Amino acid sequence: MSQKFTPEKMARLRAEAKNPYRSLRQFIYLCFGLSGSVGGMIFLLQIAAGRDLDQAIPNLAVQAGVVGLMIFLWRWENKNKLASQEKE
């Protein structure tokens, strides 16, 4: 019952073996980035309304940091993917 794989499927399996859970990591980056964006928008609106500025400003900074980190990780992941594809 030997099963032969197509070249496309073998290439995809090799790529997954080199970078396991890549799609899961990118999904997490996307979810956290969107969550940080929504949170940042809420805190930005609170600042614009002038409500509870002592807590809203640091929280906005944290949300901006989360979004920035997720953008950095997403780009780093794609840069590593491109570098590994060029080696092949």
N, C-alpha and C. Protein backbone atom coordinates (compact mmCIF):
# COMPACT_ATOMS: atom_id res chain seq x y z
N MET A 1 0.81 -1.19 0.00
CA MET A 1 0.00 0.00 0.00
C MET A 1 0.85 1.25 0.00
N SER A 2 1.86 1.24 -0.79
CA SER A 2 2.72 2.41 -0.91
C SER A 2 1.97 3.51 -1.64
N GLN A 3 2.01 4.69 -1.04
CA GLN A 3 1.30 5.81 -1.64
C GLN A 3 2.31 6.83 -2.14
N LYS A 4 2.18 7.22 -3.38
CA LYS A 4 3.11 8.18 -3.95
C LYS A 4 2.53 9.58 -3.82
N PHE A 5 3.40 10.51 -3.47
CA PHE A 5 2.99 11.90 -3.31
C PHE A 5 3.36 12.68 -4.56
N THR A 6 2.55 13.66 -4.87
CA THR A 6 2.86 14.55 -5.97
C THR A 6 4.01 15.47 -5.54
N PRO A 7 4.74 16.01 -6.50
CA PRO A 7 5.84 16.92 -6.13
C PRO A 7 5.37 18.14 -5.33
N GLU A 8 4.17 18.64 -5.65
CA GLU A 8 3.64 19.79 -4.91
C GLU A 8 3.38 19.44 -3.45
N LYS A 9 2.82 18.26 -3.25
CA LYS A 9 2.52 17.83 -1.88
C LYS A 9 3.81 17.58 -1.10
N MET A 10 4.81 17.01 -1.75
CA MET A 10 6.09 16.78 -1.08
C MET A 10 6.76 18.10 -0.71
N ALA A 11 6.67 19.09 -1.59
CA ALA A 11 7.25 20.40 -1.30
C ALA A 11 6.54 21.05 -0.11
N ARG A 12 5.23 20.92 -0.07
CA ARG A 12 4.47 21.48 1.05
C ARG A 12 4.80 20.77 2.36
N LEU A 13 4.95 19.46 2.31
CA LEU A 13 5.31 18.70 3.51
C LEU A 13 6.71 19.04 3.99
N ARG A 14 7.64 19.24 3.07
CA ARG A 14 9.00 19.63 3.46
C ARG A 14 9.01 21.02 4.09
N ALA A 15 8.23 21.93 3.51
CA ALA A 15 8.16 23.29 4.07
C ALA A 15 7.55 23.26 5.47
N GLU A 16 6.55 22.43 5.68
CA GLU A 16 5.93 22.32 7.00
C GLU A 16 6.89 21.66 7.99
N ALA A 17 7.71 20.75 7.54
CA ALA A 17 8.68 20.11 8.43
C ALA A 17 9.78 21.09 8.85
N LYS A 18 10.13 22.01 7.96
CA LYS A 18 11.15 23.01 8.30
C LYS A 18 10.60 24.08 9.23
N ASN A 19 9.35 24.44 9.08
CA ASN A 19 8.71 25.47 9.89
C ASN A 19 7.38 24.95 10.45
N PRO A 20 7.43 24.12 11.47
CA PRO A 20 6.16 23.59 11.98
C PRO A 20 5.31 24.68 12.61
N TYR A 21 4.02 24.56 12.42
CA TYR A 21 3.01 25.45 13.01
C TYR A 21 3.13 26.89 12.53
N ARG A 22 3.68 27.11 11.36
CA ARG A 22 3.83 28.47 10.85
C ARG A 22 2.47 29.14 10.68
N SER A 23 1.51 28.43 10.10
CA SER A 23 0.20 29.03 9.88
C SER A 23 -0.50 29.32 11.20
N LEU A 24 -0.30 28.48 12.20
CA LEU A 24 -0.88 28.74 13.52
C LEU A 24 -0.27 29.99 14.13
N ARG A 25 1.05 30.14 14.01
CA ARG A 25 1.70 31.33 14.55
C ARG A 25 1.18 32.59 13.86
N GLN A 26 1.03 32.54 12.55
CA GLN A 26 0.53 33.71 11.84
C GLN A 26 -0.91 34.01 12.23
N PHE A 27 -1.71 33.00 12.46
CA PHE A 27 -3.08 33.22 12.92
C PHE A 27 -3.08 33.91 14.28
N ILE A 28 -2.19 33.50 15.17
CA ILE A 28 -2.08 34.12 16.50
C ILE A 28 -1.63 35.57 16.36
N TYR A 29 -0.64 35.83 15.49
CA TYR A 29 -0.19 37.20 15.27
C TYR A 29 -1.34 38.07 14.78
N LEU A 30 -2.11 37.54 13.86
CA LEU A 30 -3.24 38.28 13.30
C LEU A 30 -4.29 38.57 14.37
N CYS A 31 -4.63 37.57 15.16
CA CYS A 31 -5.64 37.75 16.22
C CYS A 31 -5.19 38.76 17.27
N PHE A 32 -3.96 38.63 17.73
CA PHE A 32 -3.46 39.57 18.74
C PHE A 32 -3.34 40.98 18.16
N GLY A 33 -2.93 41.09 16.90
CA GLY A 33 -2.83 42.39 16.26
C GLY A 33 -4.18 43.06 16.14
N LEU A 34 -5.20 42.29 15.73
CA LEU A 34 -6.54 42.86 15.63
C LEU A 34 -7.10 43.22 17.00
N SER A 35 -6.83 42.40 17.98
CA SER A 35 -7.28 42.70 19.34
C SER A 35 -6.62 43.97 19.86
N GLY A 36 -5.34 44.12 19.62
CA GLY A 36 -4.64 45.33 20.04
C GLY A 36 -5.15 46.56 19.31
N SER A 37 -5.51 46.40 18.05
CA SER A 37 -6.05 47.52 17.28
C SER A 37 -7.40 47.97 17.83
N VAL A 38 -8.26 47.02 18.14
CA VAL A 38 -9.57 47.36 18.70
C VAL A 38 -9.39 48.01 20.07
N GLY A 39 -8.54 47.44 20.91
CA GLY A 39 -8.27 48.02 22.22
C GLY A 39 -7.68 49.41 22.11
N GLY A 40 -6.77 49.60 21.17
CA GLY A 40 -6.17 50.90 20.96
C GLY A 40 -7.19 51.93 20.53
N MET A 41 -8.12 51.52 19.67
CA MET A 41 -9.17 52.44 19.23
C MET A 41 -10.06 52.84 20.40
N ILE A 42 -10.37 51.90 21.26
CA ILE A 42 -11.21 52.20 22.43
C ILE A 42 -10.50 53.18 23.35
N PHE A 43 -9.23 52.94 23.64
CA PHE A 43 -8.50 53.84 24.52
C PHE A 43 -8.26 55.20 23.87
N LEU A 44 -8.09 55.23 22.56
CA LEU A 44 -7.95 56.49 21.86
C LEU A 44 -9.23 57.32 21.96
N LEU A 45 -10.36 56.65 21.84
CA LEU A 45 -11.64 57.34 21.98
C LEU A 45 -11.85 57.83 23.41
N GLN A 46 -11.40 57.05 24.39
CA GLN A 46 -11.49 57.49 25.78
C GLN A 46 -10.63 58.74 26.00
N ILE A 47 -9.45 58.77 25.41
CA ILE A 47 -8.58 59.94 25.55
C ILE A 47 -9.21 61.14 24.87
N ALA A 48 -9.79 60.92 23.69
CA ALA A 48 -10.44 62.02 22.97
C ALA A 48 -11.62 62.57 23.76
N ALA A 49 -12.31 61.70 24.50
CA ALA A 49 -13.45 62.14 25.32
C ALA A 49 -12.99 62.75 26.63
N GLY A 50 -11.73 62.55 26.99
CA GLY A 50 -11.20 63.10 28.23
C GLY A 50 -11.58 62.31 29.46
N ARG A 51 -11.92 61.06 29.29
CA ARG A 51 -12.34 60.22 30.40
C ARG A 51 -11.18 59.38 30.92
N ASP A 52 -10.95 59.43 32.20
CA ASP A 52 -10.01 58.54 32.88
C ASP A 52 -8.63 58.50 32.21
N LEU A 53 -8.04 59.67 32.04
CA LEU A 53 -6.78 59.78 31.31
C LEU A 53 -5.61 59.08 32.01
N ASP A 54 -5.67 58.99 33.33
CA ASP A 54 -4.57 58.35 34.07
C ASP A 54 -4.42 56.88 33.71
N GLN A 55 -5.50 56.23 33.33
CA GLN A 55 -5.42 54.82 32.94
C GLN A 55 -5.44 54.63 31.43
N ALA A 56 -6.10 55.52 30.71
CA ALA A 56 -6.27 55.34 29.27
C ALA A 56 -4.95 55.51 28.51
N ILE A 57 -4.13 56.47 28.91
CA ILE A 57 -2.89 56.72 28.17
C ILE A 57 -1.91 55.55 28.29
N PRO A 58 -1.63 55.02 29.50
CA PRO A 58 -0.75 53.84 29.55
C PRO A 58 -1.34 52.61 28.85
N ASN A 59 -2.65 52.45 28.92
CA ASN A 59 -3.28 51.32 28.24
C ASN A 59 -3.17 51.45 26.72
N LEU A 60 -3.28 52.68 26.23
CA LEU A 60 -3.09 52.90 24.79
C LEU A 60 -1.67 52.55 24.39
N ALA A 61 -0.71 52.90 25.22
CA ALA A 61 0.69 52.58 24.92
C ALA A 61 0.92 51.07 24.88
N VAL A 62 0.28 50.35 25.81
CA VAL A 62 0.40 48.89 25.82
C VAL A 62 -0.21 48.30 24.55
N GLN A 63 -1.37 48.78 24.16
CA GLN A 63 -2.02 48.27 22.95
C GLN A 63 -1.19 48.57 21.71
N ALA A 64 -0.60 49.76 21.66
CA ALA A 64 0.26 50.10 20.52
C ALA A 64 1.49 49.20 20.50
N GLY A 65 2.02 48.88 21.67
CA GLY A 65 3.16 47.97 21.75
C GLY A 65 2.81 46.58 21.27
N VAL A 66 1.62 46.10 21.61
CA VAL A 66 1.17 44.78 21.16
C VAL A 66 1.05 44.75 19.65
N VAL A 67 0.43 45.78 19.08
CA VAL A 67 0.27 45.84 17.62
C VAL A 67 1.64 45.91 16.95
N GLY A 68 2.52 46.73 17.48
CA GLY A 68 3.87 46.83 16.92
C GLY A 68 4.63 45.52 16.97
N LEU A 69 4.51 44.81 18.09
CA LEU A 69 5.18 43.51 18.23
C LEU A 69 4.62 42.50 17.24
N MET A 70 3.32 42.48 17.06
CA MET A 70 2.72 41.53 16.13
C MET A 70 3.13 41.84 14.68
N ILE A 71 3.23 43.12 14.34
CA ILE A 71 3.70 43.48 13.00
C ILE A 71 5.14 43.04 12.81
N PHE A 72 5.97 43.26 13.83
CA PHE A 72 7.37 42.83 13.76
C PHE A 72 7.47 41.31 13.59
N LEU A 73 6.72 40.56 14.37
CA LEU A 73 6.78 39.10 14.29
C LEU A 73 6.27 38.59 12.94
N TRP A 74 5.22 39.21 12.42
CA TRP A 74 4.67 38.82 11.12
C TRP A 74 5.72 39.03 10.02
N ARG A 75 6.35 40.19 10.03
CA ARG A 75 7.37 40.47 9.02
C ARG A 75 8.59 39.57 9.16
N TRP A 76 8.97 39.30 10.39
CA TRP A 76 10.10 38.42 10.64
C TRP A 76 9.81 37.02 10.12
N GLU A 77 8.59 36.55 10.37
CA GLU A 77 8.17 35.23 9.88
C GLU A 77 8.23 35.18 8.36
N ASN A 78 7.72 36.20 7.69
CA ASN A 78 7.74 36.23 6.22
C ASN A 78 9.16 36.36 5.68
N LYS A 79 10.00 37.13 6.36
CA LYS A 79 11.40 37.27 5.93
C LYS A 79 12.12 35.93 6.03
N ASN A 80 11.88 35.19 7.09
CA ASN A 80 12.50 33.87 7.24
C ASN A 80 11.98 32.91 6.20
N LYS A 81 10.71 33.02 5.84
CA LYS A 81 10.14 32.14 4.82
C LYS A 81 10.80 32.41 3.48
N LEU A 82 10.94 33.70 3.14
CA LEU A 82 11.57 34.04 1.86
C LEU A 82 13.02 33.60 1.81
N ALA A 83 13.73 33.74 2.94
CA ALA A 83 15.13 33.32 2.98
C ALA A 83 15.26 31.81 2.80
N SER A 84 14.35 31.06 3.39
CA SER A 84 14.42 29.60 3.25
C SER A 84 14.04 29.16 1.85
N GLN A 85 13.14 29.90 1.20
CA GLN A 85 12.77 29.55 -0.18
C GLN A 85 13.90 29.85 -1.16
N GLU A 86 14.67 30.90 -0.88
CA GLU A 86 15.79 31.24 -1.76
C GLU A 86 16.91 30.22 -1.66
N LYS A 87 17.04 29.57 -0.50
CA LYS A 87 18.09 28.57 -0.32
C LYS A 87 17.81 27.32 -1.15
N GLU A 88 16.55 27.06 -1.42
CA GLU A 88 16.18 25.84 -2.15
C GLU A 88 16.43 25.94 -3.58
